[in-house]
Amino acid sequence: MKTILLLIAISFGVFFPYGSSYTFLIRYFLMLMLFFSFLDVRLEKEIIRKSHFAILFAIISLSIVIFYVLNSFNTELAQTAFVTAIAPTAIAAPVIISLKKKNVAYVTFSLLLNNMAIGLLLPFLLPFLLNSRAHISVGEILVPVIITLAAPLAAAQFIKYFLPAIWKKLVGLKDSSFYILVINIYIATSEASNYIRTEMKSDIEIVLFIALISGLLCIIFFLTGWLLGGKEFSAEASQSLGQKNNAFTIWIAFSFVDSLAALGPVFYVLFQNIYISWELYLHNRSKSNNR
């Protein structure tokens, strides 16, 4: 049922993109989802693994390599691929891992590390690779990310330690965050669909190449993460590397590159959500078979 709802949300976003008017709500819905995910998270030094830093290195190195490989063929494609690949871990990644009953703390640390590190790196990396003269303030990128992460984390931990009775009731409602995720997927897909319909001015051929590259990147990152996580954290590392903060890179593309570059993360949204739907379908089927 959950998988069907995700696919319905994607389909409605593509064919009925009225949710594009409500993209400002995505951040607040994510904060609410994170609040539920953080209710039973313990952030301790034992959480930190070598694979966390391997994931961060993979994001940065693969993005740069892909840029230079494609730049010899087409600069626009190279820029789009770089913007798509450099996206850090999605704020919703702990939510998905929570729904799969895996280690939320692992993904939470990866989320914090990758968003902060890439937020600090991009102001220096973008002008170097893309010959951009635009000044990118670290604060413009980093501060919203920190607020979005820190507010729900602080609220969840406060309730856990100081209001245990309320915490216990909220933990019981944790799975309801899935329905907030469905709404967010509809809004994000609506925004992507609306952009393609109303604002895209490029030839269809390059759009198809961007879609193909985004799909390949999605496969590469989820698979690489699975390998980096090893037997213990394969699912968590795959989610940390493959599920990307596309809203962040869409903003980067519009603000500091060009509107065409935004199509990469837009398509990644679609492929990522289709893959997540498939993931949850397999998880739910496995859970049903074990009952």
C-alpha atoms as a PDB file:
ATOM      1  CA  MET A   1       0.000   0.000   0.000  1.00  0.00           C
ATOM      2  CA  LYS A   2       2.817   2.412   0.879  1.00  0.00           C
ATOM      3  CA  THR A   3       4.565   1.754  -2.435  1.00  0.00           C
ATOM      4  CA  ILE A   4       1.340   2.408  -4.344  1.00  0.00           C
ATOM      5  CA  LEU A   5       0.889   5.720  -2.524  1.00  0.00           C
ATOM      6  CA  LEU A   6       4.418   6.830  -3.499  1.00  0.00           C
ATOM      7  CA  LEU A   7       3.823   5.952  -7.157  1.00  0.00           C
ATOM      8  CA  ILE A   8       0.454   7.738  -7.075  1.00  0.00           C
ATOM      9  CA  ALA A   9       2.175  10.828  -5.627  1.00  0.00           C
ATOM     10  CA  ILE A  10       4.742  10.793  -8.466  1.00  0.00           C
ATOM     11  CA  SER A  11       2.041  10.275 -11.119  1.00  0.00           C
ATOM     12  CA  PHE A  12      -0.124  13.073  -9.758  1.00  0.00           C
ATOM     13  CA  GLY A  13       2.930  15.353  -9.634  1.00  0.00           C
ATOM     14  CA  VAL A  14       3.675  14.659 -13.306  1.00  0.00           C
ATOM     15  CA  PHE A  15       0.126  14.994 -14.663  1.00  0.00           C
ATOM     16  CA  PHE A  16      -1.419  17.404 -12.125  1.00  0.00           C
ATOM     17  CA  PRO A  17       1.438  19.690 -11.054  1.00  0.00           C
ATOM     18  CA  TYR A  18      -0.638  21.999  -8.871  1.00  0.00           C
ATOM     19  CA  GLY A  19       1.660  21.285  -5.953  1.00  0.00           C
ATOM     20  CA  SER A  20       4.345  23.491  -7.510  1.00  0.00           C
ATOM     21  CA  SER A  21       2.701  26.474  -5.804  1.00  0.00           C
ATOM     22  CA  TYR A  22       3.531  24.986  -2.421  1.00  0.00           C
ATOM     23  CA  THR A  23       7.253  24.248  -2.742  1.00  0.00           C
ATOM     24  CA  PHE A  24       7.911  26.558   0.225  1.00  0.00           C
ATOM     25  CA  LEU A  25       6.284  23.891   2.438  1.00  0.00           C
ATOM     26  CA  ILE A  26       8.844  21.197   1.538  1.00  0.00           C
ATOM     27  CA  ARG A  27      11.369  22.428   4.079  1.00  0.00           C
ATOM     28  CA  TYR A  28       8.827  22.527   6.918  1.00  0.00           C
ATOM     29  CA  PHE A  29       7.433  19.088   6.100  1.00  0.00           C
ATOM     30  CA  LEU A  30      10.983  17.747   6.075  1.00  0.00           C
ATOM     31  CA  MET A  31      11.614  19.265   9.497  1.00  0.00           C
ATOM     32  CA  LEU A  32       8.482  17.545  10.810  1.00  0.00           C
ATOM     33  CA  MET A  33       9.567  14.205   9.323  1.00  0.00           C
ATOM     34  CA  LEU A  34      13.026  14.642  10.800  1.00  0.00           C
ATOM     35  CA  PHE A  35      11.515  15.363  14.194  1.00  0.00           C
ATOM     36  CA  PHE A  36       9.849  11.938  14.184  1.00  0.00           C
ATOM     37  CA  SER A  37      13.017  10.260  12.878  1.00  0.00           C
ATOM     38  CA  PHE A  38      15.173  11.888  15.568  1.00  0.00           C
ATOM     39  CA  LEU A  39      12.940  10.862  18.487  1.00  0.00           C
ATOM     40  CA  ASP A  40      14.904   7.679  19.210  1.00  0.00           C
ATOM     41  CA  VAL A  41      18.319   8.665  17.843  1.00  0.00           C
ATOM     42  CA  ARG A  42      21.393   8.718  20.053  1.00  0.00           C
ATOM     43  CA  LEU A  43      24.258  10.753  18.638  1.00  0.00           C
ATOM     44  CA  GLU A  44      27.382   9.237  20.176  1.00  0.00           C
ATOM     45  CA  LYS A  45      30.950   8.937  18.958  1.00  0.00           C
ATOM     46  CA  GLU A  46      30.448   5.177  18.531  1.00  0.00           C
ATOM     47  CA  ILE A  47      28.135   5.991  15.602  1.00  0.00           C
ATOM     48  CA  ILE A  48      30.985   7.392  13.487  1.00  0.00           C
ATOM     49  CA  ARG A  49      32.424   4.917  10.974  1.00  0.00           C
ATOM     50  CA  LYS A  50      35.122   5.066   8.314  1.00  0.00           C
ATOM     51  CA  SER A  51      32.419   4.525   5.703  1.00  0.00           C
ATOM     52  CA  HIS A  52      30.916   7.929   6.581  1.00  0.00           C
ATOM     53  CA  PHE A  53      34.039   9.641   5.266  1.00  0.00           C
ATOM     54  CA  ALA A  54      34.238   7.239   2.323  1.00  0.00           C
ATOM     55  CA  ILE A  55      30.714   8.358   1.348  1.00  0.00           C
ATOM     56  CA  LEU A  56      31.693  12.031   1.543  1.00  0.00           C
ATOM     57  CA  PHE A  57      34.819  11.369  -0.530  1.00  0.00           C
ATOM     58  CA  ALA A  58      32.730   9.452  -3.094  1.00  0.00           C
ATOM     59  CA  ILE A  59      30.310  12.380  -3.524  1.00  0.00           C
ATOM     60  CA  ILE A  60      33.106  14.880  -4.110  1.00  0.00           C
ATOM     61  CA  SER A  61      35.455  12.728  -6.203  1.00  0.00           C
ATOM     62  CA  LEU A  62      32.775  11.188  -8.446  1.00  0.00           C
ATOM     63  CA  SER A  63      31.270  14.631  -9.090  1.00  0.00           C
ATOM     64  CA  ILE A  64      34.617  16.070 -10.202  1.00  0.00           C
ATOM     65  CA  VAL A  65      35.560  13.020 -12.309  1.00  0.00           C
ATOM     66  CA  ILE A  66      32.154  13.001 -14.045  1.00  0.00           C
ATOM     67  CA  PHE A  67      32.490  16.720 -14.781  1.00  0.00           C
ATOM     68  CA  TYR A  68      35.888  16.365 -16.457  1.00  0.00           C
ATOM     69  CA  VAL A  69      34.846  13.278 -18.447  1.00  0.00           C
ATOM     70  CA  LEU A  70      31.733  14.966 -19.859  1.00  0.00           C
ATOM     71  CA  ASN A  71      33.346  18.375 -20.290  1.00  0.00           C
ATOM     72  CA  SER A  72      35.366  17.094 -23.251  1.00  0.00           C
ATOM     73  CA  PHE A  73      32.076  16.332 -25.044  1.00  0.00           C
ATOM     74  CA  ASN A  74      29.615  19.004 -23.872  1.00  0.00           C
ATOM     75  CA  THR A  75      30.110  21.732 -21.270  1.00  0.00           C
ATOM     76  CA  GLU A  76      26.401  22.099 -20.483  1.00  0.00           C
ATOM     77  CA  LEU A  77      26.036  18.382 -19.822  1.00  0.00           C
ATOM     78  CA  ALA A  78      29.167  18.420 -17.672  1.00  0.00           C
ATOM     79  CA  GLN A  79      27.887  21.306 -15.554  1.00  0.00           C
ATOM     80  CA  THR A  80      24.492  19.666 -15.153  1.00  0.00           C
ATOM     81  CA  ALA A  81      26.034  16.318 -14.180  1.00  0.00           C
ATOM     82  CA  PHE A  82      28.299  18.000 -11.621  1.00  0.00           C
ATOM     83  CA  VAL A  83      25.441  19.926 -10.006  1.00  0.00           C
ATOM     84  CA  THR A  84      23.388  16.721  -9.863  1.00  0.00           C
ATOM     85  CA  ALA A  85      26.176  14.545  -8.443  1.00  0.00           C
ATOM     86  CA  ILE A  86      27.518  16.972  -5.818  1.00  0.00           C
ATOM     87  CA  ALA A  87      24.227  17.001  -3.891  1.00  0.00           C
ATOM     88  CA  PRO A  88      24.707  15.885  -0.276  1.00  0.00           C
ATOM     89  CA  THR A  89      22.524  13.400   1.588  1.00  0.00           C
ATOM     90  CA  ALA A  90      18.810  14.205   1.467  1.00  0.00           C
ATOM     91  CA  ILE A  91      17.215  15.495   4.640  1.00  0.00           C
ATOM     92  CA  ALA A  92      14.541  12.820   4.149  1.00  0.00           C
ATOM     93  CA  ALA A  93      17.086   9.941   4.075  1.00  0.00           C
ATOM     94  CA  PRO A  94      16.760   9.170   7.806  1.00  0.00           C
ATOM     95  CA  VAL A  95      12.997   8.983   7.288  1.00  0.00           C
ATOM     96  CA  ILE A  96      13.351   6.241   4.653  1.00  0.00           C
ATOM     97  CA  ILE A  97      15.835   4.306   6.807  1.00  0.00           C
ATOM     98  CA  SER A  98      13.457   4.658   9.742  1.00  0.00           C
ATOM     99  CA  LEU A  99      10.618   3.200   7.663  1.00  0.00           C
ATOM    100  CA  LYS A 100      12.913   0.286   6.756  1.00  0.00           C
ATOM    101  CA  LYS A 101      13.741  -0.228  10.456  1.00  0.00           C
ATOM    102  CA  LYS A 102      17.479   0.272   9.884  1.00  0.00           C
ATOM    103  CA  ASN A 103      20.095   2.339  11.738  1.00  0.00           C
ATOM    104  CA  VAL A 104      18.805   5.933  11.674  1.00  0.00           C
ATOM    105  CA  ALA A 105      21.788   7.259  13.644  1.00  0.00           C
ATOM    106  CA  TYR A 106      24.204   6.148  10.897  1.00  0.00           C
ATOM    107  CA  VAL A 107      22.310   8.086   8.224  1.00  0.00           C
ATOM    108  CA  THR A 108      21.817  11.059  10.543  1.00  0.00           C
ATOM    109  CA  PHE A 109      25.558  11.489  11.018  1.00  0.00           C
ATOM    110  CA  SER A 110      26.123  11.093   7.274  1.00  0.00           C
ATOM    111  CA  LEU A 111      23.436  13.706   6.678  1.00  0.00           C
ATOM    112  CA  LEU A 112      25.094  16.198   9.023  1.00  0.00           C
ATOM    113  CA  LEU A 113      28.622  15.528   7.759  1.00  0.00           C
ATOM    114  CA  ASN A 114      27.813  15.644   4.035  1.00  0.00           C
ATOM    115  CA  ASN A 115      25.566  18.708   4.098  1.00  0.00           C
ATOM    116  CA  MET A 116      27.977  20.759   6.185  1.00  0.00           C
ATOM    117  CA  ALA A 117      31.116  19.661   4.323  1.00  0.00           C
ATOM    118  CA  ILE A 118      29.656  20.210   0.856  1.00  0.00           C
ATOM    119  CA  GLY A 119      28.028  23.449   1.962  1.00  0.00           C
ATOM    120  CA  LEU A 120      31.498  24.691   2.929  1.00  0.00           C
ATOM    121  CA  LEU A 121      33.217  23.289  -0.157  1.00  0.00           C
ATOM    122  CA  LEU A 122      30.861  24.449  -2.930  1.00  0.00           C
ATOM    123  CA  PRO A 123      31.562  28.196  -2.598  1.00  0.00           C
ATOM    124  CA  PHE A 124      35.164  27.409  -3.547  1.00  0.00           C
ATOM    125  CA  LEU A 125      34.588  24.480  -5.911  1.00  0.00           C
ATOM    126  CA  LEU A 126      31.912  25.992  -8.158  1.00  0.00           C
ATOM    127  CA  PRO A 127      33.924  29.000  -9.392  1.00  0.00           C
ATOM    128  CA  PHE A 128      36.947  26.765  -9.985  1.00  0.00           C
ATOM    129  CA  LEU A 129      35.118  24.122 -12.064  1.00  0.00           C
ATOM    130  CA  LEU A 130      32.386  26.130 -13.743  1.00  0.00           C
ATOM    131  CA  ASN A 131      34.240  29.423 -14.271  1.00  0.00           C
ATOM    132  CA  SER A 132      31.462  31.127 -12.364  1.00  0.00           C
ATOM    133  CA  ARG A 133      32.070  34.705 -11.239  1.00  0.00           C
ATOM    134  CA  ALA A 134      29.140  34.682  -8.880  1.00  0.00           C
ATOM    135  CA  HIS A 135      30.014  35.058  -5.233  1.00  0.00           C
ATOM    136  CA  ILE A 136      28.536  32.222  -3.178  1.00  0.00           C
ATOM    137  CA  SER A 137      28.323  32.943   0.519  1.00  0.00           C
ATOM    138  CA  VAL A 138      28.995  29.973   2.769  1.00  0.00           C
ATOM    139  CA  GLY A 139      26.388  31.358   5.137  1.00  0.00           C
ATOM    140  CA  GLU A 140      23.692  31.403   2.450  1.00  0.00           C
ATOM    141  CA  ILE A 141      24.121  27.669   1.973  1.00  0.00           C
ATOM    142  CA  LEU A 142      25.140  26.436   5.398  1.00  0.00           C
ATOM    143  CA  VAL A 143      22.832  28.379   7.740  1.00  0.00           C
ATOM    144  CA  PRO A 144      19.504  27.133   6.267  1.00  0.00           C
ATOM    145  CA  VAL A 145      20.827  23.560   6.280  1.00  0.00           C
ATOM    146  CA  ILE A 146      21.918  23.794   9.924  1.00  0.00           C
ATOM    147  CA  ILE A 147      18.557  25.268  11.006  1.00  0.00           C
ATOM    148  CA  THR A 148      16.607  22.611   9.109  1.00  0.00           C
ATOM    149  CA  LEU A 149      18.615  19.855  10.787  1.00  0.00           C
ATOM    150  CA  ALA A 150      19.228  21.313  14.240  1.00  0.00           C
ATOM    151  CA  ALA A 151      15.700  22.482  15.102  1.00  0.00           C
ATOM    152  CA  PRO A 152      13.971  19.069  14.838  1.00  0.00           C
ATOM    153  CA  LEU A 153      16.970  17.295  16.377  1.00  0.00           C
ATOM    154  CA  ALA A 154      16.997  19.638  19.392  1.00  0.00           C
ATOM    155  CA  ALA A 155      13.201  19.419  19.799  1.00  0.00           C
ATOM    156  CA  ALA A 156      13.189  15.622  19.613  1.00  0.00           C
ATOM    157  CA  GLN A 157      16.047  15.240  22.097  1.00  0.00           C
ATOM    158  CA  PHE A 158      14.500  17.778  24.485  1.00  0.00           C
ATOM    159  CA  ILE A 159      11.196  15.866  24.564  1.00  0.00           C
ATOM    160  CA  LYS A 160      13.028  12.548  24.923  1.00  0.00           C
ATOM    161  CA  TYR A 161      14.958  13.595  28.031  1.00  0.00           C
ATOM    162  CA  PHE A 162      12.611  16.088  29.703  1.00  0.00           C
ATOM    163  CA  LEU A 163       9.098  14.960  28.651  1.00  0.00           C
ATOM    164  CA  PRO A 164       9.334  11.152  28.546  1.00  0.00           C
ATOM    165  CA  ALA A 165       5.553  10.551  28.683  1.00  0.00           C
ATOM    166  CA  ILE A 166       4.972  12.705  25.590  1.00  0.00           C
ATOM    167  CA  TRP A 167       8.033  11.156  23.913  1.00  0.00           C
ATOM    168  CA  LYS A 168       6.598   7.674  24.362  1.00  0.00           C
ATOM    169  CA  LYS A 169       3.332   8.661  22.656  1.00  0.00           C
ATOM    170  CA  LEU A 170       5.126  10.408  19.793  1.00  0.00           C
ATOM    171  CA  VAL A 171       7.349   7.378  19.131  1.00  0.00           C
ATOM    172  CA  GLY A 172       4.160   5.385  18.630  1.00  0.00           C
ATOM    173  CA  LEU A 173       3.134   7.821  15.884  1.00  0.00           C
ATOM    174  CA  LYS A 174       6.525   7.651  14.168  1.00  0.00           C
ATOM    175  CA  ASP A 175       5.362   5.681  11.114  1.00  0.00           C
ATOM    176  CA  SER A 176       2.823   8.390  10.290  1.00  0.00           C
ATOM    177  CA  SER A 177       5.725  10.451   8.929  1.00  0.00           C
ATOM    178  CA  PHE A 178       5.403   8.340   5.781  1.00  0.00           C
ATOM    179  CA  TYR A 179       2.281  10.258   4.768  1.00  0.00           C
ATOM    180  CA  ILE A 180       4.138  13.549   5.114  1.00  0.00           C
ATOM    181  CA  LEU A 181       6.782  12.050   2.807  1.00  0.00           C
ATOM    182  CA  VAL A 182       4.067  11.261   0.229  1.00  0.00           C
ATOM    183  CA  ILE A 183       2.952  14.916   0.262  1.00  0.00           C
ATOM    184  CA  ASN A 184       6.533  16.122  -0.144  1.00  0.00           C
ATOM    185  CA  ILE A 185       7.145  13.790  -3.082  1.00  0.00           C
ATOM    186  CA  TYR A 186       4.014  15.093  -4.780  1.00  0.00           C
ATOM    187  CA  ILE A 187       5.118  18.727  -4.306  1.00  0.00           C
ATOM    188  CA  ALA A 188       8.698  18.066  -5.506  1.00  0.00           C
ATOM    189  CA  THR A 189       7.517  16.134  -8.568  1.00  0.00           C
ATOM    190  CA  SER A 190       4.979  18.857  -9.337  1.00  0.00           C
ATOM    191  CA  GLU A 191       7.728  21.457  -9.294  1.00  0.00           C
ATOM    192  CA  ALA A 192       9.863  19.358 -11.657  1.00  0.00           C
ATOM    193  CA  SER A 193       6.947  18.748 -14.024  1.00  0.00           C
ATOM    194  CA  ASN A 194       5.899  22.397 -13.989  1.00  0.00           C
ATOM    195  CA  TYR A 195       9.435  23.555 -14.809  1.00  0.00           C
ATOM    196  CA  ILE A 196       9.698  21.210 -17.795  1.00  0.00           C
ATOM    197  CA  ARG A 197       6.303  22.362 -19.110  1.00  0.00           C
ATOM    198  CA  THR A 198       6.593  26.117 -18.642  1.00  0.00           C
ATOM    199  CA  GLU A 199      10.208  27.271 -18.376  1.00  0.00           C
ATOM    200  CA  MET A 200      12.382  24.894 -20.353  1.00  0.00           C
ATOM    201  CA  LYS A 201      13.703  26.462 -23.565  1.00  0.00           C
ATOM    202  CA  SER A 202      16.396  23.969 -24.617  1.00  0.00           C
ATOM    203  CA  ASP A 203      16.243  21.355 -27.371  1.00  0.00           C
ATOM    204  CA  ILE A 204      14.616  18.071 -26.427  1.00  0.00           C
ATOM    205  CA  GLU A 205      17.784  16.152 -27.346  1.00  0.00           C
ATOM    206  CA  ILE A 206      19.894  17.632 -24.569  1.00  0.00           C
ATOM    207  CA  VAL A 207      17.017  17.145 -22.148  1.00  0.00           C
ATOM    208  CA  LEU A 208      16.976  13.435 -22.984  1.00  0.00           C
ATOM    209  CA  PHE A 209      20.734  13.243 -22.408  1.00  0.00           C
ATOM    210  CA  ILE A 210      20.310  14.980 -19.035  1.00  0.00           C
ATOM    211  CA  ALA A 211      17.583  12.501 -18.089  1.00  0.00           C
ATOM    212  CA  LEU A 212      19.823   9.581 -19.097  1.00  0.00           C
ATOM    213  CA  ILE A 213      22.800  10.921 -17.126  1.00  0.00           C
ATOM    214  CA  SER A 214      20.633  11.571 -14.066  1.00  0.00           C
ATOM    215  CA  GLY A 215      19.297   8.012 -14.193  1.00  0.00           C
ATOM    216  CA  LEU A 216      22.811   6.567 -14.499  1.00  0.00           C
ATOM    217  CA  LEU A 217      24.029   8.742 -11.615  1.00  0.00           C
ATOM    218  CA  CYS A 218      21.165   7.498  -9.472  1.00  0.00           C
ATOM    219  CA  ILE A 219      22.179   3.872 -10.116  1.00  0.00           C
ATOM    220  CA  ILE A 220      25.889   4.601  -9.574  1.00  0.00           C
ATOM    221  CA  PHE A 221      25.415   6.377  -6.245  1.00  0.00           C
ATOM    222  CA  PHE A 222      22.980   3.908  -4.694  1.00  0.00           C
ATOM    223  CA  LEU A 223      25.153   0.966  -5.797  1.00  0.00           C
ATOM    224  CA  THR A 224      28.425   2.586  -4.665  1.00  0.00           C
ATOM    225  CA  GLY A 225      26.913   3.339  -1.283  1.00  0.00           C
ATOM    226  CA  TRP A 226      25.800  -0.268  -0.931  1.00  0.00           C
ATOM    227  CA  LEU A 227      29.388  -1.415  -1.552  1.00  0.00           C
ATOM    228  CA  LEU A 228      30.929   1.165   0.782  1.00  0.00           C
ATOM    229  CA  GLY A 229      28.649   0.243   3.677  1.00  0.00           C
ATOM    230  CA  GLY A 230      29.782  -3.371   3.812  1.00  0.00           C
ATOM    231  CA  LYS A 231      27.639  -6.113   5.328  1.00  0.00           C
ATOM    232  CA  GLU A 232      26.733  -4.136   8.459  1.00  0.00           C
ATOM    233  CA  PHE A 233      25.608  -0.826   6.945  1.00  0.00           C
ATOM    234  CA  SER A 234      24.976  -1.529   3.259  1.00  0.00           C
ATOM    235  CA  ALA A 235      21.397  -0.179   3.246  1.00  0.00           C
ATOM    236  CA  GLU A 236      22.289   2.859   5.362  1.00  0.00           C
ATOM    237  CA  ALA A 237      25.340   3.799   3.237  1.00  0.00           C
ATOM    238  CA  SER A 238      23.370   3.298   0.017  1.00  0.00           C
ATOM    239  CA  GLN A 239      20.667   5.665   1.266  1.00  0.00           C
ATOM    240  CA  SER A 240      23.248   8.183   2.507  1.00  0.00           C
ATOM    241  CA  LEU A 241      24.999   8.317  -0.867  1.00  0.00           C
ATOM    242  CA  GLY A 242      22.118   7.728  -3.272  1.00  0.00           C
ATOM    243  CA  GLN A 243      19.261   9.721  -1.764  1.00  0.00           C
ATOM    244  CA  LYS A 244      20.238  13.297  -2.530  1.00  0.00           C
ATOM    245  CA  ASN A 245      19.235  16.741  -1.328  1.00  0.00           C
ATOM    246  CA  ASN A 246      18.004  17.792  -4.769  1.00  0.00           C
ATOM    247  CA  ALA A 247      16.199  20.880  -3.527  1.00  0.00           C
ATOM    248  CA  PHE A 248      19.609  22.186  -2.478  1.00  0.00           C
ATOM    249  CA  THR A 249      21.224  21.621  -5.884  1.00  0.00           C
ATOM    250  CA  ILE A 250      18.199  22.969  -7.781  1.00  0.00           C
ATOM    251  CA  TRP A 251      18.708  26.204  -5.857  1.00  0.00           C
ATOM    252  CA  ILE A 252      22.453  26.121  -6.575  1.00  0.00           C
ATOM    253  CA  ALA A 253      21.770  25.618 -10.297  1.00  0.00           C
ATOM    254  CA  PHE A 254      19.268  28.471 -10.595  1.00  0.00           C
ATOM    255  CA  SER A 255      21.345  30.842  -8.474  1.00  0.00           C
ATOM    256  CA  PHE A 256      24.893  30.194  -9.665  1.00  0.00           C
ATOM    257  CA  VAL A 257      24.906  28.124 -12.881  1.00  0.00           C
ATOM    258  CA  ASP A 258      21.890  28.256 -15.229  1.00  0.00           C
ATOM    259  CA  SER A 259      18.327  26.967 -15.523  1.00  0.00           C
ATOM    260  CA  LEU A 260      19.354  24.044 -17.743  1.00  0.00           C
ATOM    261  CA  ALA A 261      21.624  22.691 -14.997  1.00  0.00           C
ATOM    262  CA  ALA A 262      18.589  22.512 -12.705  1.00  0.00           C
ATOM    263  CA  LEU A 263      17.108  19.793 -14.920  1.00  0.00           C
ATOM    264  CA  GLY A 264      19.700  17.279 -13.648  1.00  0.00           C
ATOM    265  CA  PRO A 265      18.488  17.274 -10.032  1.00  0.00           C
ATOM    266  CA  VAL A 266      14.893  17.628 -11.273  1.00  0.00           C
ATOM    267  CA  PHE A 267      15.179  14.309 -13.135  1.00  0.00           C
ATOM    268  CA  TYR A 268      17.114  12.809 -10.219  1.00  0.00           C
ATOM    269  CA  VAL A 269      14.086  13.536  -8.019  1.00  0.00           C
ATOM    270  CA  LEU A 270      11.960  11.336 -10.282  1.00  0.00           C
ATOM    271  CA  PHE A 271      14.443   8.441 -10.527  1.00  0.00           C
ATOM    272  CA  GLN A 272      15.267   8.603  -6.831  1.00  0.00           C
ATOM    273  CA  ASN A 273      11.625   8.441  -5.782  1.00  0.00           C
ATOM    274  CA  ILE A 274      10.904   5.556  -8.134  1.00  0.00           C
ATOM    275  CA  TYR A 275      13.848   3.650  -6.648  1.00  0.00           C
ATOM    276  CA  ILE A 276      12.740   4.450  -3.083  1.00  0.00           C
ATOM    277  CA  SER A 277       9.253   3.180  -3.920  1.00  0.00           C
ATOM    278  CA  TRP A 278      10.800  -0.068  -5.150  1.00  0.00           C
ATOM    279  CA  GLU A 279      12.952  -0.289  -1.999  1.00  0.00           C
ATOM    280  CA  LEU A 280       9.948   0.077   0.278  1.00  0.00           C
ATOM    281  CA  TYR A 281       7.978  -2.431  -1.786  1.00  0.00           C
ATOM    282  CA  LEU A 282      10.709  -5.051  -1.328  1.00  0.00           C
ATOM    283  CA  HIS A 283      10.979  -4.237   2.376  1.00  0.00           C
ATOM    284  CA  ASN A 284       7.227  -4.521   2.948  1.00  0.00           C
ATOM    285  CA  ARG A 285       7.022  -7.763   0.938  1.00  0.00           C
ATOM    286  CA  SER A 286       9.892  -9.255   2.943  1.00  0.00           C
ATOM    287  CA  LYS A 287       8.227  -8.198   6.190  1.00  0.00           C
ATOM    288  CA  SER A 288       4.927  -9.767   5.113  1.00  0.00           C
ATOM    289  CA  ASN A 289       6.617 -13.045   4.143  1.00  0.00           C
ATOM    290  CA  ASN A 290       8.299 -13.281   7.555  1.00  0.00           C
ATOM    291  CA  ARG A 291       5.038 -13.002   9.480  1.00  0.00           C
END
